[in-house]
Structures are given as structure tokens and as C-alpha cells.
């Protein structure tokens, strides 16, 4: 059987679809969500996001999915489908378009934010506006968009209709029956799809450890009202830039207390601009103030909306916490609200930001009991309800670290899905699925690509190894000038260290003298070529500094010949 063609039932009458699915990100991790769906000769990509670097990735801006598989199937890809506009789902789109130039299917709000993600060299690019309830053909694929509730407007699940049944990709969701925009999750459609027959469900696992149901976004309004009413000074409110409903609620609370609003930071300014343009945010222009107007407004009449809930070093809130903001200084009596939970891996940066804010005299709301945040991801009650409504034949938990995927597997088993029909997979684990079963294929390369400015690298890059050594043991450079013919020392050696020993430490003086003695002794032997001498000098310096300091810095011997 040709694995890339549709095949036939036993009676040979009705062609059956050949379905292959390849998760390239989002499994065993939070972030860089990206999955390739192939039906016969066509393919779509669902989401293309990045994730924040891990603590030991010095200097890395973010991590994106491995794109090698896209190069193999680029002639099959017919579109990129976006579930919602969080950066862990759209942040790598510019890199994907370097490999495949196909239309992007997304909501109006998501497309507005995506335009800020795509670099100018890739513009113009094709877009298709889709809304919840739409059902479109993308190549030979029958793709339906189903409304879900999340912490960003216009979030959608994706249902791919095939001869084998429906493939349902939930995206990020929770079951919010009282959302701020009065557009609840479409449970009726999920139930209908379940009755139609769902072959495979791939469902969000982020909060699979949490009992109960996720809270409603609307539940935050009373907290925001009391904070705005009771705070005597300036209020600084921080949340994700795309969390428009939360920004709307804090602004509504502000309007009741006759405060003005200053929006700080490029990403959040753009999000508010796009949300107002597509009419999912309702705020009168008179409520906003510009930077130059700030000085004339009393502190108790201003609220600043900014980003930085994850402790990102260059975010508005982090710069405020370090006292390095361009024109705003946090002072005693200010109130700061962090309306988000730390993404796994960011806890230390967030804690440092909170500590710094307290040191500056601010009153900080950030704890769970402060009730300034509800998750956009469903807890166990939400996930079990989705499983019960859809009743999939097979289930693959996605979007979560390994323990989250395993907890979601347990939830599926608790509602009656056989454990043998639930598959906890890894990034790169391609598989086929039909009514007879789910078959894993050879695992593809799926190591995340590291983005450092414009550079790409793999996690085992020598650059990262060097950075780790630099951060731990420092660097030592030795420079000496030698006569090319005789090997006589003409100048130096001069030794400079950073992060090894203090510049005035006696060790450097001793090392300089020992290096000079070593080179003079070397001169009396067959010195060989300069590379040979550099290698010998490197070994000498490494042994000397380890004996004295028990450190192994990066050592660079420089030999100049005249």
C-alpha cells in the first residue's frame, strides 16, 4: 500500500483517508506548540509558537520547534492554522514561513498580532480570516473551527473531518460559562462532534494536576474593583499583552474611580490597538494618557498597564522593579498587580521581580489568595467534561510537561477510555491513526532551535557550552610577543582574567612570572610551530590556574610573532 495515498475498505468501495500526525513541539514542555497533520497528499500545520529559554540557556532569547520535517513535506503543506494568539502558538511563524509559504488561517485578532511577529522581509504573506463556526477546505482537508474559552479572545479548537472520523485538536481552553465577552465555549458542538464520531482527541494538559474547574475570567472583576477603590496611590497592572479581557476589566474598574490609563510597552500597546480595531475591546479614547501627560496627573488618578508577569528582563515591570524604567519610578505607596501565574521555569525571575518591588516600597498583589488571576487552562473538571462530551476512540494528551500528560491520561481512564487507547508521546514522535489503531512511526529530530538574536543553534551547541563555562569559571587570556627566529620574548606575557581571580590578586602576578619562565625554558627546546606552542601554553596555564583556584576557566593563549 502506498502510504501517501488514500486506501480502501475491505470491500474496496469507499476510499479511506491515510492520516499521519507529527507533533514538533508542546509535548513534555510548556511552549513552542506546533503539530503537522497530513491527510493523504495534503498537510496543514496547527500553531507555530516559541517557548522561553531554560535557566541554563545563557543569552538565548527563545526556543522554536525544529523545522527539518517541514523541508521534507513542504510541497504538501497547504496552510498554517492558528488556534489563538499567545506567543507559544504564534511566536515562531516567521521562521515557519522561511520554510513554507502558505496562507495563515486565524481570527481577526490573532492576525492583527501575527503581523507584528512576521519580519518585514517575509511580507506580504497570505492570510485567511476565520471565525468560530466556520468550516473550510484547506487543500483536500475539511477543517472546522470550534469556539473555546481561554485567556485570549477568539480562541478556537480545530476539527479535521476524515473518512476515519474526526481529529479534534482542542488548543488551549477552559470551560468558562460566564466569559467577559459573553461568548462561552461551544459545548453543544463538541457534544455533536462526539456523537458524529471522534477518532482522535488531542487535548490541552497544562492544568491536569489541578482539581475542580478553572475559574471564570469574570470572577476577577470584584477583586479589581476593590484594588482600584482601596489603593491610595498609583497602580501598576501587569498581565500578558494579549489578555484583552483582563485588560478590559481593569480599565472598566479604573473608569469607575475616575483614573486615567497609561499603556506601557510595545507589545501591549499593539494588542490594545488591534483589539480596539477589531472591536473586541471597548474603551473611550479619553481614558488613555500619553507619556508627556503623566507629569500633570496625580498618582492616585493614574493606572499603568504593562507587561512583565514572567520576570522577562527587558519587560516594563522588570525595568520598573530594577529602577531602570525610562520615566516611571516605583515609590512607596504604589500598588503593583501581577495578574498571571509564572510559567514553569520562570519562577525565579518572577520572585526576583516581586522582591525588588517590595524593596521599593510597593504593595504587591501576586499570590493565589490575592485572587488577581485565573488560569486560561482547564483543571481536572474541565478536562474530564471535554473527554466525556467527545468520547474519542483514541486520546493523545498534548500541551504540557510529562507529568501533565500523564495526569491527563489518568483522567481519560477515569471517564472510561481504555488505557490502551491513550498515548503519551514525545516531540517528533510521528504516528498514523485509523479506526484499527494508532501506530507510532520512526521518531523525527525535534530538538528545539535556540534563537540568539538572529542566530540559530541546537541545545548541544558549543556556544552554549562555552557560555556555561564562562558563567561558572570565567575566562583567562595570555598575550605574549615572540621573536619569530629565536623565540625570544619581546613583550609580555600580559595576562587578563574575568571571573577567575581579581585583577590585583597575587595569583595573576605569580602566573605572569611562571608563564615567562615557562616560555624562556621552551625557547631552549625545539619550539615547533606556533600552534604547537599555543597548545602547550594552554595546558600549562590550565594546570597552573586549576592548582591555585580549583577552577577550569576558558583559556585563550595568544602568541604574536615578529
Protein backbone atom coordinates (compact mmCIF):
# COMPACT_ATOMS: atom_id res chain seq x y z
CA UNK A 1 0.00 0.00 0.00
CA UNK A 2 1.29 3.46 -0.88
CA UNK A 3 1.49 5.19 2.50
CA UNK A 4 0.89 8.63 0.99
CA UNK A 5 -2.34 7.71 -0.77
CA UNK A 6 -5.83 7.06 0.48
CA UNK A 7 -6.58 3.36 0.85
CA UNK A 8 -9.71 1.27 0.65
CA UNK A 9 -12.03 -0.60 2.92
CA UNK A 10 -12.11 -4.37 2.77
CA UNK A 11 -14.97 -4.29 0.29
CA UNK A 12 -12.95 -1.93 -1.89
CA UNK A 13 -15.80 0.55 -2.34
CA UNK A 14 -15.17 3.67 -0.29
CA UNK A 15 -11.68 5.22 -0.20
CA UNK A 16 -10.29 5.71 3.29
CA UNK A 17 -8.01 8.53 4.32
CA UNK A 18 -4.40 7.98 5.25
CA UNK A 19 -3.74 10.14 8.33
CA UNK A 20 -0.31 10.99 9.74
CA UNK A 21 0.29 13.35 12.67
CA UNK A 22 3.64 14.74 13.79
CA UNK A 23 3.95 16.83 16.98
CA UNK A 24 7.03 19.07 16.68
CA UNK A 25 6.55 20.90 19.99
CA UNK A 26 4.37 21.18 23.06
CA UNK A 27 4.84 17.63 24.40
CA UNK A 28 6.83 17.29 27.61
CA UNK A 29 7.11 21.08 27.82
CA UNK A 30 5.15 24.28 28.13
CA UNK A 31 5.51 26.22 24.90
CA UNK A 32 6.63 26.01 21.23
CA UNK A 33 3.39 24.30 20.27
CA UNK A 34 3.37 23.01 16.71
CA UNK A 35 1.78 19.94 15.09
CA UNK A 36 1.69 18.75 11.48
CA UNK A 37 -1.45 16.98 10.22
CA UNK A 38 -1.31 15.06 6.94
CA UNK A 39 -4.34 13.59 5.21
CA UNK A 40 -3.41 11.75 2.02
CA UNK A 41 -1.41 14.16 -0.15
CA UNK A 42 -2.09 17.37 1.79
CA UNK A 43 -0.91 18.76 5.11
CA UNK A 44 -1.62 21.62 7.48
CA UNK A 45 0.37 22.98 10.40
CA UNK A 46 -1.55 23.79 13.57
CA UNK A 47 0.18 26.57 15.54
CA UNK A 48 3.83 27.63 15.46
CA UNK A 49 5.00 29.01 18.79
CA UNK A 50 8.12 29.55 20.83
CA UNK A 51 8.97 28.93 24.47
CA UNK A 52 11.08 30.79 26.98
CA UNK A 53 14.67 29.58 27.40
CA UNK A 54 15.54 27.30 30.29
CA UNK A 55 17.66 28.60 33.16
CA UNK A 56 20.93 27.21 31.75
CA UNK A 57 20.49 28.66 28.25
CA UNK A 58 22.65 31.74 28.78
CA UNK A 59 21.90 34.55 26.35
CA UNK A 60 19.17 32.67 24.46
CA UNK A 61 16.11 34.77 23.60
CA UNK A 62 13.68 31.91 22.98
CA UNK A 63 13.38 28.37 21.60
CA UNK A 64 11.41 27.37 18.49
CA UNK A 65 10.42 23.97 17.04
CA UNK A 66 12.78 22.05 14.78
CA UNK A 67 11.76 22.75 11.16
CA UNK A 68 13.61 19.89 9.39
CA UNK A 69 10.42 17.90 8.76
CA UNK A 70 8.78 20.88 7.07
CA UNK A 71 11.53 20.84 4.45
CA UNK A 72 10.69 17.19 3.72
CA UNK A 73 6.97 17.83 3.15
CA UNK A 74 6.93 21.47 2.03
CA UNK A 75 5.21 20.56 -1.24
CA UNK A 76 2.34 19.01 0.72
CA UNK A 77 1.65 21.87 3.15
CA UNK A 78 -1.47 23.85 2.21
CA UNK A 79 -1.89 26.15 5.20
CA UNK A 80 -0.99 27.15 8.74
CA UNK A 81 -3.92 27.11 11.16
CA UNK A 82 -3.77 29.15 14.39
CA UNK A 83 -5.84 28.26 17.45
CA UNK A 84 -5.17 31.54 19.29
CA UNK A 85 -2.74 34.43 19.59
CA UNK A 86 -0.45 33.56 22.51
CA UNK A 87 3.23 33.64 21.60
CA UNK A 88 3.71 29.98 22.45
CA UNK A 89 1.37 29.37 19.49
CA UNK A 90 2.33 32.15 17.02
CA UNK A 91 5.84 33.25 18.01
CA UNK A 92 7.68 31.02 15.50
CA UNK A 93 5.52 31.86 12.47
CA UNK A 94 8.23 33.99 10.88
CA UNK A 95 10.60 31.02 10.94
CA UNK A 96 7.95 28.66 9.53
CA UNK A 97 7.36 30.99 6.58
CA UNK A 98 11.06 30.71 5.77
CA UNK A 99 10.35 27.01 5.02
CA UNK A 100 6.80 27.03 3.63
CA UNK A 101 4.98 29.97 2.05
CA UNK A 102 1.31 29.14 2.57
CA UNK A 103 -1.75 31.04 3.83
CA UNK A 104 -2.24 31.58 7.56
CA UNK A 105 -5.77 30.83 8.82
CA UNK A 106 -6.62 32.71 12.03
CA UNK A 107 -9.13 35.05 13.68
CA UNK A 108 -9.03 38.79 13.04
CA UNK A 109 -7.47 39.48 16.43
CA UNK A 110 -4.83 36.77 16.01
CA UNK A 111 -3.93 38.01 12.53
CA UNK A 112 -3.50 41.51 13.90
CA UNK A 113 -0.94 40.27 16.44
CA UNK A 114 0.68 37.92 13.95
CA UNK A 115 1.52 40.87 11.71
CA UNK A 116 3.82 42.13 14.47
CA UNK A 117 5.57 38.73 14.58
CA UNK A 118 6.33 38.34 10.86
CA UNK A 119 9.54 40.19 9.83
CA UNK A 120 9.34 42.70 7.01
CA UNK A 121 11.37 40.57 4.59
CA UNK A 122 8.54 38.00 4.57
CA UNK A 123 5.78 40.49 3.85
CA UNK A 124 3.35 40.41 2.17
CA UNK A 125 2.11 36.96 3.16
CA UNK A 126 -1.26 35.31 2.59
CA UNK A 127 -3.93 35.32 5.30
CA UNK A 128 -7.43 33.92 5.65
CA UNK A 129 -9.78 35.25 8.33
CA UNK A 130 -11.75 32.50 10.06
CA UNK A 131 -14.32 32.61 12.85
CA UNK A 132 -15.67 30.01 15.24
CA UNK A 133 -18.30 28.01 13.38
CA UNK A 134 -16.53 28.21 10.02
CA UNK A 135 -15.80 25.04 8.06
CA UNK A 136 -13.31 25.43 5.22
CA UNK A 137 -11.41 23.34 2.71
CA UNK A 138 -7.64 23.59 3.00
CA UNK A 139 -6.31 21.51 0.15
CA UNK A 140 -8.23 18.24 0.41
CA UNK A 141 -8.76 18.71 4.17
CA UNK A 142 -12.12 19.54 5.70
CA UNK A 143 -11.30 21.83 8.64
CA UNK A 144 -13.79 23.19 11.19
CA UNK A 145 -13.22 25.89 13.80
CA UNK A 146 -15.00 25.49 17.16
CA UNK A 147 -15.20 28.24 19.79
CA UNK A 148 -13.41 27.67 23.10
CA UNK A 149 -12.78 29.99 26.04
CA UNK A 150 -9.23 30.81 27.06
CA UNK A 151 -7.35 33.83 28.39
CA UNK A 152 -7.19 35.44 24.96
CA UNK A 153 -10.14 36.40 22.71
CA UNK A 154 -11.26 34.40 19.69
CA UNK A 155 -9.64 31.11 20.71
CA UNK A 156 -10.69 28.06 18.70
CA UNK A 157 -10.35 24.30 18.63
CA UNK A 158 -9.68 22.64 15.27
CA UNK A 159 -11.71 19.66 13.99
CA UNK A 160 -10.42 17.85 10.90
CA UNK A 161 -13.13 15.72 9.29
CA UNK A 162 -11.88 12.47 7.69
CA UNK A 163 -13.34 9.19 6.48
CA UNK A 164 -11.95 7.60 9.66
CA UNK A 165 -13.70 10.06 11.95
CA UNK A 166 -12.95 13.49 13.38
CA UNK A 167 -9.47 14.51 14.53
CA UNK A 168 -10.05 17.10 17.28
CA UNK A 169 -7.24 19.43 18.40
CA UNK A 170 -8.56 21.50 21.31
CA UNK A 171 -5.84 24.13 21.52
CA UNK A 172 -5.73 25.86 24.91
CA UNK A 173 -9.08 26.01 26.65
CA UNK A 174 -11.12 26.05 29.81
CA UNK A 175 -14.86 25.73 30.23
CA UNK A 176 -15.93 29.27 31.07
CA UNK A 177 -19.69 29.69 31.05
CA UNK A 178 -19.56 33.39 32.00
CA UNK A 179 -16.77 34.87 29.85
CA UNK A 180 -16.28 38.62 29.67
CA UNK A 181 -17.32 38.75 26.00
CA UNK A 182 -20.44 36.61 26.64
CA UNK A 183 -19.23 34.00 24.14
CA UNK A 184 -18.97 30.73 26.10
CA UNK A 185 -17.25 27.60 24.90
CA UNK A 186 -19.40 25.74 22.35
CA UNK A 187 -20.11 22.61 24.40
CA UNK A 188 -23.05 21.76 22.18
CA UNK A 189 -20.81 21.47 19.12
CA UNK A 190 -18.27 19.36 21.00
CA UNK A 191 -21.09 17.04 22.04
CA UNK A 192 -22.31 16.84 18.44
CA UNK A 193 -18.83 16.01 17.21
CA UNK A 194 -18.64 13.28 19.84
CA UNK A 195 -21.86 11.75 18.52
CA UNK A 196 -20.59 12.06 14.95
CA UNK A 197 -17.54 10.04 15.99
CA UNK A 198 -14.19 11.40 17.14
CA UNK A 199 -11.35 9.16 16.06
CA UNK A 200 -8.64 11.04 17.96
CA UNK A 201 -8.64 13.80 20.57
CA UNK A 202 -5.51 15.86 21.26
CA UNK A 203 -6.27 17.95 24.33
CA UNK A 204 -4.62 20.61 26.50
CA UNK A 205 -2.96 19.13 29.61
CA UNK A 206 -1.45 22.19 31.31
CA UNK A 207 -3.57 22.08 34.47
CA UNK A 208 -4.31 18.37 34.56
CA UNK A 209 -2.88 18.22 38.10
CA UNK A 210 -5.38 20.78 39.43
CA UNK A 211 -8.64 19.58 40.94
CA UNK A 212 -12.02 21.17 40.28
CA UNK A 213 -12.79 23.61 37.48
CA UNK A 214 -10.84 26.63 36.29
CA UNK A 215 -12.32 29.92 37.45
CA UNK A 216 -14.19 32.29 35.19
CA UNK A 217 -12.44 35.38 33.89
CA UNK A 218 -15.42 37.40 35.09
CA UNK A 219 -14.68 36.36 38.71
CA UNK A 220 -11.73 38.79 38.75
CA UNK A 221 -13.83 41.91 38.36
CA UNK A 222 -14.74 42.26 42.04
CA UNK A 223 -11.06 41.93 43.03
CA UNK A 224 -10.03 44.59 40.54
CA UNK A 225 -12.80 46.90 41.74
CA UNK A 226 -11.63 46.65 45.35
CA UNK A 227 -7.94 47.12 44.48
CA UNK A 228 -8.64 50.21 42.40
CA UNK A 229 -11.03 51.61 45.02
CA UNK A 230 -8.78 51.00 48.03
CA UNK A 231 -5.32 51.78 46.64
CA UNK A 232 -4.27 55.28 47.77
CA UNK A 233 -1.54 55.85 45.18
CA UNK A 234 -0.53 54.86 41.70
CA UNK A 235 -1.49 51.40 40.41
CA UNK A 236 0.73 49.36 38.09
CA UNK A 237 -1.11 46.44 36.49
CA UNK A 238 0.82 43.71 34.68
CA UNK A 239 -0.57 40.88 32.56
CA UNK A 240 0.07 39.14 29.25
CA UNK A 241 -0.25 41.61 26.41
CA UNK A 242 -2.85 39.51 24.58
CA UNK A 243 -5.10 39.08 27.64
CA UNK A 244 -7.52 41.69 26.35
CA UNK A 245 -10.49 40.66 28.51
CA UNK A 246 -8.42 41.11 31.66
CA UNK A 247 -7.14 44.48 30.49
CA UNK A 248 -10.74 45.45 29.69
CA UNK A 249 -11.85 44.55 33.21
CA UNK A 250 -9.13 46.53 34.98
CA UNK A 251 -9.83 49.52 32.73
CA UNK A 252 -13.56 49.25 33.49
CA UNK A 253 -12.71 49.28 37.21
CA UNK A 254 -10.47 52.31 36.67
CA UNK A 255 -13.16 54.25 34.83
CA UNK A 256 -15.48 53.98 37.84
CA UNK A 257 -12.87 55.64 40.05
CA UNK A 258 -12.02 58.41 37.59
CA UNK A 259 -8.48 57.26 36.98
CA UNK A 260 -6.66 57.58 33.65
CA UNK A 261 -4.75 54.77 31.93
CA UNK A 262 -1.22 54.72 30.54
CA UNK A 263 -0.29 51.70 28.40
CA UNK A 264 3.44 50.93 28.62
CA UNK A 265 5.36 48.60 26.29
CA UNK A 266 5.28 47.94 22.54
CA UNK A 267 3.58 44.52 22.70
CA UNK A 268 0.73 45.61 24.95
CA UNK A 269 0.22 48.87 23.03
CA UNK A 270 -0.09 46.82 19.85
CA UNK A 271 -2.51 44.33 21.45
CA UNK A 272 -4.80 47.08 22.69
CA UNK A 273 -4.63 48.80 19.29
CA UNK A 274 -5.57 45.59 17.44
CA UNK A 275 -8.33 44.72 19.93
CA UNK A 276 -9.94 48.13 19.53
CA UNK A 277 -9.62 47.94 15.75
CA UNK A 278 -11.44 44.59 15.53
CA UNK A 279 -13.98 45.79 18.12
CA UNK A 280 -13.33 43.27 20.88
CA UNK A 281 -12.28 45.98 23.31
CA UNK A 282 -14.44 48.97 24.25
CA UNK A 283 -12.53 51.84 25.85
CA UNK A 284 -13.09 55.56 25.19
CA UNK A 285 -10.02 57.35 23.86
CA UNK A 286 -10.35 59.98 26.57
CA UNK A 287 -9.41 57.41 29.21
CA UNK A 288 -5.88 56.98 27.85
CA UNK A 289 -2.99 59.34 28.54
CA UNK A 290 0.31 59.78 26.73
CA UNK A 291 3.75 59.87 28.29
CA UNK A 292 4.01 63.64 28.19
CA UNK A 293 0.72 63.99 30.11
CA UNK A 294 1.84 61.79 33.02
CA UNK A 295 3.57 64.53 35.00
CA UNK A 296 0.40 66.56 35.32
CA UNK A 297 -1.76 63.77 36.74
CA UNK A 298 -1.78 62.96 40.49
CA UNK A 299 -0.53 59.46 41.32
CA UNK A 300 -3.89 58.44 42.77
CA UNK A 301 -5.51 59.20 39.41
CA UNK A 302 -3.35 57.00 37.18
CA UNK A 303 -3.10 53.31 36.35
CA UNK A 304 -0.23 51.93 34.27
CA UNK A 305 -0.81 48.75 32.25
CA UNK A 306 2.39 46.92 31.36
CA UNK A 307 3.91 43.51 30.67
CA UNK A 308 6.40 41.51 32.71
CA UNK A 309 4.47 38.93 34.70
CA UNK A 310 7.11 36.34 33.78
CA UNK A 311 10.04 38.42 35.00
CA UNK A 312 11.37 38.95 31.46
CA UNK A 313 14.49 41.12 31.94
CA UNK A 314 13.56 43.76 29.36
CA UNK A 315 9.84 43.95 30.14
CA UNK A 316 8.27 47.07 31.58
CA UNK A 317 7.65 45.59 35.02
CA UNK A 318 11.17 44.18 35.37
CA UNK A 319 12.71 47.52 34.47
CA UNK A 320 10.42 49.22 36.97
CA UNK A 321 11.46 46.72 39.66
CA UNK A 322 15.16 47.42 38.96
CA UNK A 323 14.63 51.18 38.92
CA UNK A 324 15.69 51.29 35.26
CA UNK A 325 12.46 52.41 33.59
CA UNK A 326 12.87 55.40 31.29
CA UNK A 327 10.40 57.72 33.00
CA UNK A 328 8.50 55.90 35.78
CA UNK A 329 9.92 55.17 39.23
CA UNK A 330 8.20 52.86 41.71
CA UNK A 331 7.90 54.59 45.09
CA UNK A 332 6.41 53.85 48.48
CA UNK A 333 2.63 53.77 48.32
CA UNK A 334 2.42 52.37 44.78
CA UNK A 335 0.32 49.25 44.22
CA UNK A 336 1.51 46.58 41.77
CA UNK A 337 -0.70 43.75 40.47
CA UNK A 338 0.83 40.68 38.77
CA UNK A 339 -2.16 39.14 37.05
CA UNK A 340 -0.63 35.85 35.86
CA UNK A 341 0.97 32.70 37.22
CA UNK A 342 4.64 32.02 36.46
CA UNK A 343 5.22 29.71 33.52
CA UNK A 344 7.28 26.70 34.69
CA UNK A 345 10.92 27.73 34.58
CA UNK A 346 10.21 31.42 35.20
CA UNK A 347 9.54 31.19 38.94
CA UNK A 348 12.95 32.52 39.98
CA UNK A 349 12.75 35.57 37.70
CA UNK A 350 9.24 36.36 38.91
CA UNK A 351 10.26 36.02 42.58
CA UNK A 352 13.20 38.39 42.00
CA UNK A 353 10.88 40.95 40.40
CA UNK A 354 8.42 40.73 43.31
CA UNK A 355 11.25 41.10 45.85
CA UNK A 356 12.58 44.17 44.09
CA UNK A 357 9.13 45.77 44.00
CA UNK A 358 8.69 45.22 47.73
CA UNK A 359 12.13 46.75 48.36
CA UNK A 360 11.00 49.87 46.54
CA UNK A 361 8.04 50.20 48.92
CA UNK A 362 5.27 48.91 46.66
CA UNK A 363 2.30 46.87 47.83
CA UNK A 364 2.31 43.82 45.54
CA UNK A 365 -0.63 41.54 44.72
CA UNK A 366 0.71 38.32 43.22
CA UNK A 367 -0.31 35.30 45.33
CA UNK A 368 -3.10 32.84 44.60
CA UNK A 369 -5.03 34.05 47.63
CA UNK A 370 -4.92 37.60 46.27
CA UNK A 371 -7.33 36.39 43.55
CA UNK A 372 -5.85 38.57 40.81
CA UNK A 373 -5.51 35.72 38.31
CA UNK A 374 -7.46 32.79 36.96
CA UNK A 375 -5.88 30.31 34.59
CA UNK A 376 -6.87 30.10 30.96
CA UNK A 377 -6.30 26.35 31.07
CA UNK A 378 -8.88 23.85 32.24
CA UNK A 379 -8.43 21.95 35.51
CA UNK A 380 -9.44 18.33 36.01
CA UNK A 381 -13.16 19.07 35.94
CA UNK A 382 -12.87 20.91 32.61
CA UNK A 383 -10.73 18.19 31.05
CA UNK A 384 -12.97 15.36 32.18
CA UNK A 385 -16.03 17.13 30.83
CA UNK A 386 -14.35 17.56 27.43
CA UNK A 387 -13.40 13.88 27.40
CA UNK A 388 -16.93 12.86 28.38
CA UNK A 389 -18.57 15.03 25.73
CA UNK A 390 -16.29 13.96 22.88
CA UNK A 391 -15.79 10.26 23.79
CA UNK A 392 -12.80 9.82 21.45
CA UNK A 393 -11.73 6.40 20.23
CA UNK A 394 -8.08 7.38 20.87
CA UNK A 395 -6.55 10.11 23.01
CA UNK A 396 -3.17 11.89 22.92
CA UNK A 397 -2.60 14.43 25.74
CA UNK A 398 -0.70 17.49 24.48
CA UNK A 399 0.47 20.89 25.71
CA UNK A 400 2.17 20.11 28.99
CA UNK A 401 5.20 18.76 30.75
CA UNK A 402 5.43 14.98 31.10
CA UNK A 403 3.61 14.84 34.44
CA UNK A 404 0.75 16.90 32.99
CA UNK A 405 0.41 14.50 30.06
CA UNK A 406 0.38 11.54 32.46
CA UNK A 407 -2.27 13.15 34.68
CA UNK A 408 -4.43 13.77 31.62
CA UNK A 409 -4.04 10.11 30.67
CA UNK A 410 -5.33 9.16 34.13
CA UNK A 411 -8.30 11.50 33.71
CA UNK A 412 -9.16 9.82 30.40
CA UNK A 413 -9.07 6.41 32.04
CA UNK A 414 -11.27 7.69 34.88
CA UNK A 415 -14.06 8.53 32.42
CA UNK A 416 -13.90 5.14 30.73
CA UNK A 417 -11.39 5.48 27.91
CA UNK A 418 -9.24 2.31 27.88
CA UNK A 419 -5.63 2.91 28.88
CA UNK A 420 -4.52 1.06 25.74
CA UNK A 421 -6.21 3.80 23.68
CA UNK A 422 -4.33 6.65 25.41
CA UNK A 423 -0.83 7.51 24.16
CA UNK A 424 1.66 9.73 26.00
CA UNK A 425 4.10 10.75 23.25
CA UNK A 426 7.18 12.93 22.78
CA UNK A 427 8.01 15.71 20.36
CA UNK A 428 8.97 14.26 16.99
CA UNK A 429 7.00 11.03 17.54
CA UNK A 430 5.16 10.81 14.24
CA UNK A 431 2.24 8.36 14.05
CA UNK A 432 -0.58 7.20 11.83
CA UNK A 433 -4.11 6.65 13.05
CA UNK A 434 -7.24 4.98 11.72
CA UNK A 435 -10.15 3.02 13.13
CA UNK A 436 -7.92 -0.01 13.66
CA UNK A 437 -5.45 1.80 15.89
CA UNK A 438 -2.68 4.31 16.42
CA UNK A 439 0.73 3.29 15.02
CA UNK A 440 3.92 5.12 16.07
CA UNK A 441 6.43 5.68 13.26
CA UNK A 442 10.13 6.45 13.38
CA UNK A 443 10.76 9.41 15.67
CA UNK A 444 11.93 12.54 13.84
CA UNK A 445 14.50 15.09 15.05
CA UNK A 446 12.68 17.51 17.34
CA UNK A 447 15.34 19.28 19.39
CA UNK A 448 14.31 22.90 19.84
CA UNK A 449 16.23 25.51 17.86
CA UNK A 450 17.78 28.21 20.03
CA UNK A 451 17.33 31.81 18.95
CA UNK A 452 20.05 34.25 19.98
CA UNK A 453 19.41 37.49 18.12
CA UNK A 454 19.30 36.30 14.51
CA UNK A 455 21.33 33.14 15.11
CA UNK A 456 20.05 29.58 15.24
CA UNK A 457 21.62 26.77 17.23
CA UNK A 458 20.89 23.39 18.80
CA UNK A 459 20.83 22.70 22.55
CA UNK A 460 24.24 20.96 22.34
CA UNK A 461 25.83 23.93 20.59
CA UNK A 462 29.47 24.62 21.63
CA UNK A 463 28.42 28.24 22.09
CA UNK A 464 26.13 27.27 24.97
CA UNK A 465 28.84 25.07 26.47
CA UNK A 466 31.27 28.00 26.38
CA UNK A 467 28.70 30.33 27.92
CA UNK A 468 28.05 27.88 30.72
CA UNK A 469 31.79 27.66 31.43
CA UNK A 470 32.13 31.44 31.29
CA UNK A 471 29.31 31.87 33.79
CA UNK A 472 30.82 29.30 36.14
CA UNK A 473 34.62 29.64 35.84
CA UNK A 474 35.33 32.79 33.81
CA UNK A 475 37.95 33.43 31.13
CA UNK A 476 41.73 33.95 31.16
CA UNK A 477 43.71 35.43 28.25
CA UNK A 478 47.50 35.39 27.96
CA UNK A 479 49.21 37.57 25.32
CA UNK A 480 52.92 37.37 24.52
CA UNK A 481 55.08 38.61 21.64
CA UNK A 482 57.99 36.41 20.49
CA UNK A 483 60.86 36.82 18.05
CA UNK A 484 59.98 34.62 15.08
CA UNK A 485 63.54 33.43 14.55
CA UNK A 486 64.87 32.98 18.08
CA UNK A 487 61.77 32.54 20.24
CA UNK A 488 62.95 35.36 22.50
CA UNK A 489 60.22 37.18 24.46
CA UNK A 490 59.82 40.68 23.00
CA UNK A 491 56.82 41.80 25.07
CA UNK A 492 54.67 40.30 27.82
CA UNK A 493 53.38 37.98 28.82
CA UNK A 494 50.31 40.01 29.77
CA UNK A 495 47.54 38.09 31.49
CA UNK A 496 43.94 39.29 31.82
CA UNK A 497 41.21 37.38 33.63
CA UNK A 498 37.48 37.91 34.01
CA UNK A 499 35.58 35.90 36.57
CA UNK A 500 38.64 33.86 37.61
CA UNK A 501 40.61 35.91 40.11
CA UNK A 502 40.64 39.60 40.95
CA UNK A 503 42.88 41.68 38.67
CA UNK A 504 45.10 42.73 41.58
CA UNK A 505 45.31 39.24 43.04
CA UNK A 506 48.80 37.95 43.70
CA UNK A 507 47.91 34.84 41.69
CA UNK A 508 48.00 36.85 38.46
CA UNK A 509 51.44 38.20 39.28
CA UNK A 510 52.71 34.72 40.11
CA UNK A 511 51.12 33.33 36.96
CA UNK A 512 52.71 36.03 34.80
CA UNK A 513 56.17 35.24 36.16
CA UNK A 514 55.62 31.49 35.86
CA UNK A 515 54.45 31.89 32.26
CA UNK A 516 57.54 33.93 31.40
CA UNK A 517 59.78 31.27 32.95
CA UNK A 518 57.91 28.56 31.05
CA UNK A 519 58.33 30.37 27.71
CA UNK A 520 62.01 31.00 28.32
CA UNK A 521 62.52 27.31 29.07
CA UNK A 522 60.50 26.43 25.97
CA UNK A 523 62.84 28.59 23.91
CA UNK A 524 65.73 26.30 24.79
CA UNK A 525 63.90 23.32 23.26
CA UNK A 526 62.58 22.72 19.81
CA UNK A 527 59.72 25.20 19.93
CA UNK A 528 57.96 23.73 16.93
CA UNK A 529 55.19 25.62 15.18
CA UNK A 530 53.19 28.39 16.85
CA UNK A 531 50.04 26.19 17.14
CA UNK A 532 52.10 23.59 18.98
CA UNK A 533 53.38 26.23 21.39
CA UNK A 534 49.87 27.60 21.89
CA UNK A 535 48.63 24.13 22.77
CA UNK A 536 51.49 23.59 25.23
CA UNK A 537 50.95 27.01 26.78
CA UNK A 538 47.23 26.31 27.10
CA UNK A 539 47.97 23.10 29.04
CA UNK A 540 50.45 24.92 31.28
CA UNK A 541 48.05 27.77 32.10
CA UNK A 542 45.12 25.38 32.69
CA UNK A 543 47.11 23.24 35.12
CA UNK A 544 48.56 26.24 36.96
CA UNK A 545 45.22 28.02 37.45
CA UNK A 546 43.45 24.79 38.48
CA UNK A 547 46.15 24.03 41.05
CA UNK A 548 45.77 27.52 42.52
CA UNK A 549 41.99 28.09 42.26
CA UNK A 550 40.35 24.71 41.54
CA UNK A 551 38.63 26.35 38.56
CA UNK A 552 38.67 25.50 34.87
CA UNK A 553 38.16 28.78 33.02
CA UNK A 554 38.16 29.20 29.27
CA UNK A 555 41.83 29.87 28.47
CA UNK A 556 42.97 31.71 25.34
CA UNK A 557 46.75 31.87 24.78
CA UNK A 558 47.68 34.47 22.15
CA UNK A 559 51.19 34.32 20.64
CA UNK A 560 52.28 37.15 18.35
CA UNK A 561 55.38 36.59 16.19
CA UNK A 562 57.57 39.40 14.87
